[in-house]
C-alpha atoms as a PDB file:
ATOM      1  CA  MET A   1      -0.007  -0.005   0.003  1.00  0.00           C
ATOM      2  CA  ASP A   2       1.305   3.397  -0.896  1.00  0.00           C
ATOM      3  CA  THR A   3       2.373   5.181   2.328  1.00  0.00           C
ATOM      4  CA  ASP A   4       1.355   8.633   1.155  1.00  0.00           C
ATOM      5  CA  TYR A   5      -2.127   7.406   0.330  1.00  0.00           C
ATOM      6  CA  SER A   6      -2.233   5.419   3.613  1.00  0.00           C
ATOM      7  CA  ASP A   7      -1.222   8.465   5.613  1.00  0.00           C
ATOM      8  CA  LYS A   8      -3.624  10.654   3.810  1.00  0.00           C
ATOM      9  CA  PHE A   9      -6.481   8.052   4.394  1.00  0.00           C
ATOM     10  CA  TYR A  10      -5.700   7.961   8.185  1.00  0.00           C
ATOM     11  CA  ASP A  11      -5.525  11.772   8.364  1.00  0.00           C
ATOM     12  CA  GLU A  12      -8.819  12.185   6.513  1.00  0.00           C
ATOM     13  CA  SER A  13     -10.645   9.444   8.537  1.00  0.00           C
ATOM     14  CA  GLU A  14      -9.319  10.968  11.828  1.00  0.00           C
ATOM     15  CA  THR A  15     -10.598  14.388  10.699  1.00  0.00           C
ATOM     16  CA  PHE A  16     -13.962  12.863   9.711  1.00  0.00           C
ATOM     17  CA  PHE A  17     -14.440  11.115  13.033  1.00  0.00           C
ATOM     18  CA  THR A  18     -13.205  14.175  14.971  1.00  0.00           C
ATOM     19  CA  GLU A  19     -15.856  16.335  13.135  1.00  0.00           C
ATOM     20  CA  ILE A  20     -18.528  13.828  14.047  1.00  0.00           C
ATOM     21  CA  ALA A  21     -17.433  13.810  17.706  1.00  0.00           C
ATOM     22  CA  TYR A  22     -17.378  17.576  17.718  1.00  0.00           C
ATOM     23  CA  ASN A  23     -20.819  18.020  16.251  1.00  0.00           C
ATOM     24  CA  LYS A  24     -22.352  15.504  18.658  1.00  0.00           C
ATOM     25  CA  CYS A  25     -20.573  17.212  21.550  1.00  0.00           C
ATOM     26  CA  ILE A  26     -21.673  20.748  20.538  1.00  0.00           C
ATOM     27  CA  THR A  27     -25.245  19.471  20.166  1.00  0.00           C
ATOM     28  CA  ASN A  28     -25.076  18.098  23.788  1.00  0.00           C
ATOM     29  CA  ILE A  29     -23.579  21.281  25.042  1.00  0.00           C
ATOM     30  CA  ASN A  30     -26.152  23.474  23.435  1.00  0.00           C
ATOM     31  CA  GLU A  31     -29.031  21.338  24.601  1.00  0.00           C
ATOM     32  CA  SER A  32     -27.801  21.024  28.180  1.00  0.00           C
ATOM     33  CA  ASP A  33     -28.164  23.374  31.115  1.00  0.00           C
ATOM     34  CA  PHE A  34     -25.859  26.357  31.302  1.00  0.00           C
ATOM     35  CA  ASP A  35     -22.707  26.437  33.369  1.00  0.00           C
ATOM     36  CA  THR A  36     -23.235  25.389  36.916  1.00  0.00           C
ATOM     37  CA  PRO A  37     -21.306  27.068  39.669  1.00  0.00           C
ATOM     38  CA  GLY A  38     -18.819  24.620  41.255  1.00  0.00           C
ATOM     39  CA  TYR A  39     -18.541  22.552  38.096  1.00  0.00           C
ATOM     40  CA  CYS A  40     -16.111  22.529  35.206  1.00  0.00           C
ATOM     41  CA  PRO A  41     -18.206  23.136  32.091  1.00  0.00           C
ATOM     42  CA  ARG A  42     -18.862  20.598  29.325  1.00  0.00           C
ATOM     43  CA  THR A  43     -16.178  20.913  26.649  1.00  0.00           C
ATOM     44  CA  PHE A  44     -14.729  19.346  23.540  1.00  0.00           C
ATOM     45  CA  ASP A  45     -10.950  19.081  23.552  1.00  0.00           C
ATOM     46  CA  GLY A  46     -10.469  18.150  19.959  1.00  0.00           C
ATOM     47  CA  TRP A  47     -10.943  14.362  20.356  1.00  0.00           C
ATOM     48  CA  SER A  48     -13.553  13.830  23.080  1.00  0.00           C
ATOM     49  CA  CYS A  49     -16.503  15.424  24.725  1.00  0.00           C
ATOM     50  CA  TRP A  50     -16.222  15.900  28.449  1.00  0.00           C
ATOM     51  CA  ASN A  51     -19.364  16.315  30.649  1.00  0.00           C
ATOM     52  CA  LYS A  52     -19.549  18.939  33.331  1.00  0.00           C
ATOM     53  CA  THR A  53     -17.571  17.765  36.388  1.00  0.00           C
ATOM     54  CA  PRO A  54     -17.685  18.808  40.019  1.00  0.00           C
ATOM     55  CA  ALA A  55     -14.724  20.893  41.108  1.00  0.00           C
ATOM     56  CA  GLY A  56     -11.813  18.868  42.444  1.00  0.00           C
ATOM     57  CA  GLN A  57     -12.954  15.701  40.691  1.00  0.00           C
ATOM     58  CA  VAL A  58     -11.576  13.738  37.740  1.00  0.00           C
ATOM     59  CA  ALA A  59     -13.637  12.998  34.596  1.00  0.00           C
ATOM     60  CA  TYR A  60     -13.081   9.723  32.799  1.00  0.00           C
ATOM     61  CA  GLY A  61     -13.969   8.817  29.274  1.00  0.00           C
ATOM     62  CA  PRO A  62     -13.166   6.186  26.672  1.00  0.00           C
ATOM     63  CA  CYS A  63     -10.233   6.735  24.436  1.00  0.00           C
ATOM     64  CA  PRO A  64     -11.045   7.734  20.894  1.00  0.00           C
ATOM     65  CA  HIS A  65     -11.343   4.788  18.541  1.00  0.00           C
ATOM     66  CA  PHE A  66     -10.314   6.787  15.489  1.00  0.00           C
ATOM     67  CA  ILE A  67      -6.751   7.721  16.675  1.00  0.00           C
ATOM     68  CA  VAL A  68      -4.207   5.241  15.232  1.00  0.00           C
ATOM     69  CA  GLY A  69      -2.316   3.560  18.129  1.00  0.00           C
ATOM     70  CA  PHE A  70      -5.066   4.206  20.700  1.00  0.00           C
ATOM     71  CA  ASP A  71      -6.909   1.419  22.387  1.00  0.00           C
ATOM     72  CA  SER A  72     -10.601   2.357  22.689  1.00  0.00           C
ATOM     73  CA  ARG A  73     -10.963  -0.070  25.577  1.00  0.00           C
ATOM     74  CA  ARG A  74      -8.718   2.152  27.709  1.00  0.00           C
ATOM     75  CA  THR A  75      -9.645   5.291  29.593  1.00  0.00           C
ATOM     76  CA  ALA A  76      -8.626   8.991  29.196  1.00  0.00           C
ATOM     77  CA  LEU A  77      -9.027  11.496  31.971  1.00  0.00           C
ATOM     78  CA  LYS A  78      -9.489  15.249  32.463  1.00  0.00           C
ATOM     79  CA  VAL A  79      -8.999  16.928  35.793  1.00  0.00           C
ATOM     80  CA  CYS A  80     -11.372  19.563  37.147  1.00  0.00           C
ATOM     81  CA  MET A  81      -9.419  21.783  39.524  1.00  0.00           C
ATOM     82  CA  PRO A  82     -10.807  22.953  42.830  1.00  0.00           C
ATOM     83  CA  ASP A  83     -11.564  26.396  41.276  1.00  0.00           C
ATOM     84  CA  ALA A  84     -13.907  24.666  38.767  1.00  0.00           C
ATOM     85  CA  GLN A  85     -11.485  25.209  35.868  1.00  0.00           C
ATOM     86  CA  TRP A  86     -10.191  22.369  33.733  1.00  0.00           C
ATOM     87  CA  PHE A  87      -6.524  21.604  34.367  1.00  0.00           C
ATOM     88  CA  ARG A  88      -4.062  23.544  32.172  1.00  0.00           C
ATOM     89  CA  HIS A  89      -0.818  22.092  30.954  1.00  0.00           C
ATOM     90  CA  PRO A  90       2.045  23.951  32.664  1.00  0.00           C
ATOM     91  CA  GLU A  91       4.078  24.343  29.441  1.00  0.00           C
ATOM     92  CA  THR A  92       1.337  25.565  27.120  1.00  0.00           C
ATOM     93  CA  ASN A  93      -1.220  26.916  29.543  1.00  0.00           C
ATOM     94  CA  ALA A  94      -3.860  25.204  27.348  1.00  0.00           C
ATOM     95  CA  SER A  95      -6.669  23.168  28.806  1.00  0.00           C
ATOM     96  CA  TRP A  96      -5.305  19.556  28.782  1.00  0.00           C
ATOM     97  CA  SER A  97      -6.826  16.050  28.731  1.00  0.00           C
ATOM     98  CA  ASN A  98      -4.673  13.076  29.616  1.00  0.00           C
ATOM     99  CA  TYR A  99      -4.654  10.526  26.833  1.00  0.00           C
ATOM    100  CA  THR A 100      -1.335   8.928  27.824  1.00  0.00           C
ATOM    101  CA  SER A 101      -3.021   5.749  29.030  1.00  0.00           C
ATOM    102  CA  CYS A 102      -4.744   5.380  25.670  1.00  0.00           C
ATOM    103  CA  VAL A 103      -1.532   4.374  23.908  1.00  0.00           C
ATOM    104  CA  ASP A 104      -1.428   0.677  23.038  1.00  0.00           C
ATOM    105  CA  THR A 105       2.237   0.103  23.942  1.00  0.00           C
ATOM    106  CA  ASP A 106       2.382  -3.322  22.358  1.00  0.00           C
ATOM    107  CA  ASP A 107       1.050  -1.910  19.098  1.00  0.00           C
ATOM    108  CA  LEU A 108       3.449   1.007  19.406  1.00  0.00           C
ATOM    109  CA  ALA A 109       6.395  -1.325  19.892  1.00  0.00           C
ATOM    110  CA  LEU A 110       5.311  -3.341  16.883  1.00  0.00           C
ATOM    111  CA  ARG A 111       5.033  -0.194  14.722  1.00  0.00           C
ATOM    112  CA  GLN A 112       8.490   0.938  15.836  1.00  0.00           C
ATOM    113  CA  ARG A 113      10.040  -2.439  14.948  1.00  0.00           C
ATOM    114  CA  VAL A 114       8.335  -2.256  11.474  1.00  0.00           C
ATOM    115  CA  ASN A 115       9.723   1.294  11.057  1.00  0.00           C
ATOM    116  CA  ASN A 116      13.168   0.093  11.895  1.00  0.00           C
ATOM    117  CA  ILE A 117      12.943  -2.665   9.358  1.00  0.00           C
ATOM    118  CA  TYR A 118      11.926  -0.026   6.740  1.00  0.00           C
ATOM    119  CA  ILE A 119      14.939   2.113   7.662  1.00  0.00           C
ATOM    120  CA  VAL A 120      17.333  -0.768   7.457  1.00  0.00           C
ATOM    121  CA  GLY A 121      15.828  -1.847   4.143  1.00  0.00           C
ATOM    122  CA  TYR A 122      15.999   1.619   2.657  1.00  0.00           C
ATOM    123  CA  SER A 123      19.568   2.091   3.932  1.00  0.00           C
ATOM    124  CA  VAL A 124      20.712  -1.149   2.375  1.00  0.00           C
ATOM    125  CA  SER A 125      19.003  -0.163  -0.918  1.00  0.00           C
ATOM    126  CA  LEU A 126      20.683   3.307  -0.817  1.00  0.00           C
ATOM    127  CA  VAL A 127      24.156   1.821  -0.148  1.00  0.00           C
ATOM    128  CA  ALA A 128      23.614  -0.722  -3.063  1.00  0.00           C
ATOM    129  CA  LEU A 129      22.524   2.146  -5.303  1.00  0.00           C
ATOM    130  CA  VAL A 130      25.583   4.240  -4.425  1.00  0.00           C
ATOM    131  CA  ILE A 131      27.925   1.246  -5.002  1.00  0.00           C
ATOM    132  CA  SER A 132      26.225   0.472  -8.369  1.00  0.00           C
ATOM    133  CA  LEU A 133      26.611   4.133  -9.484  1.00  0.00           C
ATOM    134  CA  GLY A 134      30.294   4.049  -8.483  1.00  0.00           C
ATOM    135  CA  LEU A 135      30.845   0.891 -10.605  1.00  0.00           C
ATOM    136  CA  THR A 136      29.546   2.348 -13.811  1.00  0.00           C
END
């Protein structure tokens, strides 16, 4: 399979599913009650919809099924701070959801091994090409 086509397919399908999740989330947000004091508001973080959550609590949700390398049987989390604001990443100061537990490490290791095989194969091919050009 052509890698450029494959990458484009995954990018487009991820975008498609993200848009579906976004539209569903926005519909839920618009149909729900307004912000409640003492709760972090409902929000969409780019991948998942998070329900309003009591201050000082942690919200859990399924990992997105449309992200390559994620296991949808695992759980992501988003922290609602005591001041009823979603946790912000210290480096970016942007609202942050924790998807680190979503990564299927077995799948990631397999993908890394396959990438290493590609690199070795391309390197051998390049060396053979350089040698063949030097012989002519």
